[in-house]
Amino acid sequence: MASQALSSATGLGLAVTISNWKPRVEDRTWWLSSLACNRSRTRRPSFSVGSVRCKAVGQNNGATFDNSVVYQGVYGPWTVDKSDIREVILYRSGLVTAASSFVLAASAAFLPDDSFLSQIIKQNLDYLYVAGSCGLGLSLLLIHIYVSEIKRTLQALWVLGILGSCVTYITIAQPANQNLIRCVLDNPSAVWLVGPLFAALTGLVFKEGLCYGKLEAGLLTFVIPTVLLGHLTGLMDNEVKLALLAAWMALFVIFAGRKFTQPIKDDIGDKSVFMFKSLPDDEKKALLEKLEQQTIK
């Protein structure tokens, strides 16, 4: 889910000033719809004829929740309710499921082939792949992003990746009596089919890195496609792939674990924006006109 533009852990602020511009209804709508990251505010941005200044500032890094707290959004006040908490927990749980499944499956590459644990993992690689894919799908379903087109694109990539995985398993892996992961390892061109699934994951971690300034998310944005492209092209030797795979595992665990250190409201973002987008067009227009009158005063 999307939330405030910068990590509460970093405490960084973002300020944008536009001089000599008078806000209009259509300008206000465009400004909000162009944001890719949720930016939760505790204060309503102030507008004036001479200048416009909006600021998203990092807040406490605690993960505590108080349903009596009222946040001031762009379109009005909002609070965190039980359904919001449930969505955020499910979103983060999906990430943990994806990370855990990936780490377990990838750990087989570092274990002795004849070890008991390695044999157990290899026998269940397809189940781990399904669990991880479902976890990622759940997170993509519940993620909060202001721009709907971006969210739908990530979801479409996930669907393409699932379809490609099914095609690969049915047409290549099953006839060869292989699990899906072994099939992709032995047939690098299969990355074209399963790749969209990992492209969706890359988009998700990129969004998290952009919105919260998380180093591990930023690094994952480069590590994931590098590993896949290196395997697809054959330009990367096994030692380098194993090193990057280990980095991927470590970063993914840190990324998923740190999600639970964030306040619930971070993954909600400015709830008033989503409430506004759900209104009928006539109510949207009326609300914008009311807010415009308030800012002029």
Protein backbone atom coordinates (compact mmCIF):
# COMPACT_ATOMS: atom_id res chain seq x y z
CA MET A 1 0.00 0.00 0.00
CA ALA A 2 1.08 3.49 -0.62
CA SER A 3 1.64 6.09 2.09
CA GLN A 4 3.69 9.20 2.90
CA ALA A 5 6.41 10.20 0.48
CA LEU A 6 9.39 9.73 2.74
CA SER A 7 10.29 7.19 5.39
CA SER A 8 9.39 8.05 8.93
CA ALA A 9 12.65 6.33 9.85
CA THR A 10 14.69 8.85 7.90
CA GLY A 11 12.62 11.83 8.99
CA LEU A 12 13.24 13.47 5.65
CA GLY A 13 10.94 16.18 4.30
CA LEU A 14 9.87 17.02 0.81
CA ALA A 15 8.97 20.61 -0.04
CA VAL A 16 7.78 21.89 -3.39
CA THR A 17 7.21 25.58 -4.02
CA ILE A 18 5.50 26.99 -7.09
CA SER A 19 5.44 30.75 -7.36
CA ASN A 20 2.91 33.10 -8.96
CA TRP A 21 0.22 30.49 -9.49
CA LYS A 22 -3.39 30.51 -8.36
CA PRO A 23 -4.88 27.08 -7.65
CA ARG A 24 -7.86 26.01 -9.70
CA VAL A 25 -10.13 22.99 -9.36
CA GLU A 26 -8.55 21.21 -12.32
CA ASP A 27 -5.02 22.04 -11.08
CA ARG A 28 -5.75 20.54 -7.68
CA THR A 29 -7.13 17.36 -9.23
CA TRP A 30 -4.15 16.95 -11.56
CA TRP A 31 -1.65 17.54 -8.74
CA LEU A 32 -3.13 14.76 -6.63
CA SER A 33 -3.71 12.25 -9.42
CA SER A 34 -0.11 12.62 -10.57
CA LEU A 35 1.31 11.36 -7.28
CA ALA A 36 2.57 7.78 -7.42
CA CYS A 37 3.25 7.51 -3.70
CA ASN A 38 0.83 8.07 -0.85
CA ARG A 39 1.71 11.08 1.24
CA SER A 40 -0.08 11.12 4.55
CA ARG A 41 -0.38 14.51 6.20
CA THR A 42 -1.25 15.56 9.68
CA ARG A 43 -1.83 19.11 8.48
CA ARG A 44 -3.82 20.38 5.52
CA PRO A 45 -1.56 22.01 2.91
CA SER A 46 -2.07 25.77 2.71
CA PHE A 47 -2.60 27.52 -0.63
CA SER A 48 -2.26 31.18 -1.44
CA VAL A 49 -2.42 33.36 -4.55
CA GLY A 50 1.29 34.13 -4.50
CA SER A 51 2.68 30.66 -3.89
CA VAL A 52 1.88 27.07 -3.16
CA ARG A 53 3.80 24.97 -0.67
CA CYS A 54 3.14 21.35 0.16
CA LYS A 55 5.23 19.41 2.61
CA ALA A 56 5.31 15.75 3.56
CA VAL A 57 7.33 15.22 6.70
CA GLY A 58 8.42 11.95 8.31
CA GLN A 59 6.80 11.19 11.62
CA ASN A 60 7.33 8.84 14.52
CA ASN A 61 8.75 5.46 13.59
CA GLY A 62 6.61 3.57 16.05
CA ALA A 63 4.13 0.99 14.86
CA THR A 64 1.51 1.88 17.46
CA PHE A 65 -2.08 2.60 16.52
CA ASP A 66 -4.60 4.96 18.07
CA ASN A 67 -8.03 5.05 16.43
CA SER A 68 -8.80 8.33 18.20
CA VAL A 69 -6.20 10.15 16.11
CA VAL A 70 -7.67 12.26 13.32
CA TYR A 71 -5.40 12.93 10.35
CA GLN A 72 -5.92 15.95 8.15
CA GLY A 73 -5.92 14.89 4.52
CA VAL A 74 -6.00 16.90 1.33
CA TYR A 75 -9.76 16.39 1.01
CA GLY A 76 -10.63 16.42 4.69
CA PRO A 77 -10.06 14.59 7.99
CA TRP A 78 -9.82 10.81 8.20
CA THR A 79 -9.09 8.11 10.77
CA VAL A 80 -7.74 4.58 10.73
CA ASP A 81 -10.48 1.98 11.24
CA LYS A 82 -10.47 -1.78 11.73
CA SER A 83 -10.79 -2.54 8.02
CA ASP A 84 -7.71 -0.41 7.35
CA ILE A 85 -5.73 -2.32 9.95
CA ARG A 86 -6.87 -5.63 8.49
CA GLU A 87 -5.83 -4.59 4.97
CA VAL A 88 -2.41 -3.38 6.09
CA ILE A 89 -1.73 -6.55 8.08
CA LEU A 90 -2.76 -8.70 5.10
CA TYR A 91 -0.61 -6.58 2.78
CA ARG A 92 2.43 -7.02 4.98
CA SER A 93 1.66 -10.69 5.59
CA GLY A 94 1.63 -11.23 1.84
CA LEU A 95 5.11 -9.75 1.61
CA VAL A 96 6.32 -11.97 4.45
CA THR A 97 4.85 -15.02 2.71
CA ALA A 98 6.56 -14.11 -0.55
CA ALA A 99 9.88 -13.44 1.16
CA SER A 100 9.77 -16.60 3.29
CA SER A 101 8.89 -18.81 0.33
CA PHE A 102 11.63 -17.31 -1.80
CA VAL A 103 14.29 -17.62 0.88
CA LEU A 104 13.39 -21.24 1.60
CA ALA A 105 13.42 -22.15 -2.08
CA ALA A 106 16.65 -20.27 -2.81
CA SER A 107 18.43 -21.74 0.21
CA ALA A 108 18.61 -25.08 -1.64
CA ALA A 109 21.30 -23.53 -3.82
CA PHE A 110 23.57 -23.15 -0.78
CA LEU A 111 22.93 -26.50 0.91
CA PRO A 112 24.76 -29.77 0.18
CA ASP A 113 22.82 -31.77 -2.41
CA ASP A 114 22.71 -34.87 -0.22
CA SER A 115 21.53 -33.11 2.93
CA PHE A 116 18.13 -33.98 4.37
CA LEU A 117 17.00 -30.34 4.43
CA SER A 118 18.02 -29.82 0.83
CA GLN A 119 16.04 -32.86 -0.27
CA ILE A 120 12.94 -31.69 1.60
CA ILE A 121 13.14 -28.23 0.02
CA LYS A 122 13.66 -29.59 -3.49
CA GLN A 123 10.67 -31.87 -3.14
CA ASN A 124 8.48 -28.89 -2.28
CA LEU A 125 9.82 -26.20 -4.62
CA ASP A 126 6.60 -26.02 -6.62
CA TYR A 127 4.57 -25.52 -3.44
CA LEU A 128 6.93 -22.78 -2.30
CA TYR A 129 6.63 -21.10 -5.70
CA VAL A 130 2.84 -21.16 -5.49
CA ALA A 131 2.84 -19.85 -1.91
CA GLY A 132 5.22 -17.02 -2.75
CA SER A 133 3.24 -16.08 -5.86
CA CYS A 134 -0.01 -16.01 -3.89
CA GLY A 135 1.58 -13.88 -1.17
CA LEU A 136 2.79 -11.38 -3.77
CA GLY A 137 -0.63 -11.38 -5.43
CA LEU A 138 -2.33 -10.60 -2.12
CA SER A 139 -0.01 -7.65 -1.52
CA LEU A 140 -0.56 -6.31 -5.04
CA LEU A 141 -4.31 -6.58 -4.51
CA LEU A 142 -4.20 -4.53 -1.31
CA ILE A 143 -1.42 -2.07 -2.12
CA HIS A 144 -2.39 1.60 -1.91
CA ILE A 145 -1.20 3.71 -4.83
CA TYR A 146 -2.80 7.00 -5.81
CA VAL A 147 -2.40 6.41 -9.56
CA SER A 148 -4.71 3.51 -10.39
CA GLU A 149 -2.95 2.81 -13.69
CA ILE A 150 0.28 1.95 -11.90
CA LYS A 151 -1.48 -0.46 -9.56
CA ARG A 152 -3.29 -2.14 -12.44
CA THR A 153 -0.04 -2.46 -14.37
CA LEU A 154 1.64 -4.27 -11.48
CA GLN A 155 -1.36 -6.55 -11.13
CA ALA A 156 -1.37 -7.25 -14.87
CA LEU A 157 2.31 -8.20 -14.71
CA TRP A 158 1.51 -10.59 -11.88
CA VAL A 159 -1.26 -12.23 -13.92
CA LEU A 160 1.05 -12.56 -16.94
CA GLY A 161 3.71 -14.10 -14.71
CA ILE A 162 1.25 -16.62 -13.29
CA LEU A 163 0.03 -17.57 -16.76
CA GLY A 164 3.61 -17.84 -17.99
CA SER A 165 4.52 -20.02 -15.04
CA CYS A 166 1.60 -22.34 -15.76
CA VAL A 167 2.56 -22.59 -19.43
CA THR A 168 6.18 -23.32 -18.53
CA TYR A 169 5.20 -25.98 -16.02
CA ILE A 170 2.71 -27.73 -18.31
CA THR A 171 4.68 -27.62 -21.56
CA ILE A 172 8.29 -27.91 -20.38
CA ALA A 173 8.69 -28.89 -16.72
CA GLN A 174 6.07 -31.61 -16.43
CA PRO A 175 7.09 -33.55 -19.58
CA ALA A 176 10.69 -33.47 -18.35
CA ASN A 177 9.62 -34.57 -14.85
CA GLN A 178 11.09 -31.39 -13.32
CA ASN A 179 9.86 -28.81 -10.86
CA LEU A 180 9.27 -25.33 -12.25
CA ILE A 181 12.37 -23.75 -10.70
CA ARG A 182 14.70 -26.47 -12.02
CA CYS A 183 13.06 -26.08 -15.41
CA VAL A 184 13.80 -22.34 -15.48
CA LEU A 185 17.37 -22.98 -14.35
CA ASP A 186 17.91 -25.48 -17.16
CA ASN A 187 16.05 -23.38 -19.74
CA PRO A 188 17.05 -19.70 -19.41
CA SER A 189 14.60 -18.67 -22.14
CA ALA A 190 11.77 -19.57 -19.74
CA VAL A 191 12.58 -16.31 -17.95
CA TRP A 192 10.51 -14.61 -20.66
CA LEU A 193 7.46 -16.49 -19.36
CA VAL A 194 7.96 -16.24 -15.60
CA GLY A 195 9.70 -12.86 -15.71
CA PRO A 196 6.57 -10.67 -15.48
CA LEU A 197 5.92 -12.09 -12.01
CA PHE A 198 9.29 -10.81 -10.83
CA ALA A 199 8.76 -7.57 -12.72
CA ALA A 200 5.67 -7.04 -10.55
CA LEU A 201 7.76 -7.70 -7.45
CA THR A 202 10.39 -5.25 -8.69
CA GLY A 203 7.71 -2.61 -9.19
CA LEU A 204 6.42 -3.13 -5.67
CA VAL A 205 9.83 -2.80 -4.02
CA PHE A 206 10.59 0.22 -6.21
CA LYS A 207 7.44 1.89 -4.95
CA GLU A 208 8.36 1.09 -1.35
CA GLY A 209 11.87 2.43 -1.84
CA LEU A 210 10.60 5.59 -3.51
CA CYS A 211 7.92 6.32 -0.93
CA TYR A 212 9.86 5.44 2.22
CA GLY A 213 13.49 5.88 1.21
CA LYS A 214 14.32 2.30 2.19
CA LEU A 215 17.81 1.23 1.16
CA GLU A 216 17.00 -2.47 0.98
CA ALA A 217 14.05 -1.79 -1.33
CA GLY A 218 16.19 0.37 -3.58
CA LEU A 219 18.86 -2.32 -3.80
CA LEU A 220 16.28 -5.00 -4.56
CA THR A 221 15.07 -2.88 -7.47
CA PHE A 222 18.44 -3.49 -9.13
CA VAL A 223 19.30 -6.95 -7.80
CA ILE A 224 16.12 -8.71 -8.98
CA PRO A 225 16.28 -7.76 -12.68
CA THR A 226 20.06 -8.18 -12.71
CA VAL A 227 19.82 -11.81 -11.60
CA LEU A 228 17.06 -12.61 -14.08
CA LEU A 229 18.71 -10.86 -17.02
CA GLY A 230 22.06 -12.41 -16.17
CA HIS A 231 20.50 -15.86 -16.26
CA LEU A 232 18.51 -15.13 -19.42
CA THR A 233 21.48 -13.85 -21.41
CA GLY A 234 24.02 -16.30 -20.02
CA LEU A 235 26.46 -13.44 -19.45
CA MET A 236 26.70 -14.05 -15.72
CA ASP A 237 28.69 -16.95 -14.27
CA ASN A 238 27.32 -19.09 -11.47
CA GLU A 239 29.50 -17.56 -8.75
CA VAL A 240 28.15 -14.08 -9.46
CA LYS A 241 24.59 -15.37 -9.64
CA LEU A 242 24.96 -17.11 -6.29
CA ALA A 243 26.38 -13.96 -4.71
CA LEU A 244 23.51 -11.85 -6.03
CA LEU A 245 21.03 -14.53 -5.01
CA ALA A 246 22.36 -14.41 -1.45
CA ALA A 247 22.04 -10.62 -1.48
CA TRP A 248 18.47 -10.95 -2.78
CA MET A 249 17.60 -13.34 0.04
CA ALA A 250 19.05 -11.10 2.75
CA LEU A 251 17.52 -7.90 1.37
CA PHE A 252 14.11 -9.53 0.93
CA VAL A 253 14.06 -10.68 4.55
CA ILE A 254 15.05 -7.22 5.79
CA PHE A 255 12.51 -5.57 3.52
CA ALA A 256 9.59 -7.75 4.64
CA GLY A 257 10.56 -7.64 8.31
CA ARG A 258 10.91 -3.86 8.42
CA LYS A 259 7.39 -3.40 7.12
CA PHE A 260 6.14 -4.31 10.59
CA THR A 261 8.16 -1.50 12.17
CA GLN A 262 6.12 1.13 10.31
CA PRO A 263 2.96 2.76 11.65
CA ILE A 264 -0.25 1.34 10.20
CA LYS A 265 -1.14 4.69 8.67
CA ASP A 266 1.98 4.67 6.51
CA ASP A 267 0.61 1.91 4.28
CA ILE A 268 -2.76 3.65 4.10
CA GLY A 269 -1.52 7.00 2.90
CA ASP A 270 -3.87 9.95 2.65
CA LYS A 271 -7.16 8.11 2.98
CA SER A 272 -9.12 11.20 2.00
CA VAL A 273 -7.74 10.87 -1.55
CA PHE A 274 -9.17 7.37 -1.93
CA MET A 275 -12.44 8.49 -0.36
CA PHE A 276 -12.58 11.36 -2.84
CA LYS A 277 -11.92 9.09 -5.82
CA SER A 278 -14.84 6.86 -4.78
CA LEU A 279 -17.32 9.76 -4.87
CA PRO A 280 -19.67 10.40 -7.82
CA ASP A 281 -18.51 13.14 -10.20
CA ASP A 282 -21.05 15.69 -8.98
CA GLU A 283 -19.99 15.20 -5.36
CA LYS A 284 -16.33 15.49 -6.35
CA LYS A 285 -17.02 18.80 -8.05
CA ALA A 286 -18.98 20.12 -5.08
CA LEU A 287 -16.24 19.14 -2.64
CA LEU A 288 -13.51 20.71 -4.78
CA GLU A 289 -15.46 23.95 -5.04
CA LYS A 290 -15.94 23.99 -1.26
CA LEU A 291 -12.24 23.41 -0.64
CA GLU A 292 -11.38 26.08 -3.20
CA GLN A 293 -13.51 28.61 -1.36
CA GLN A 294 -11.83 27.70 1.93
CA THR A 295 -8.34 28.19 0.51
CA ILE A 296 -9.24 31.59 -0.94
CA LYS A 297 -10.44 32.71 2.50
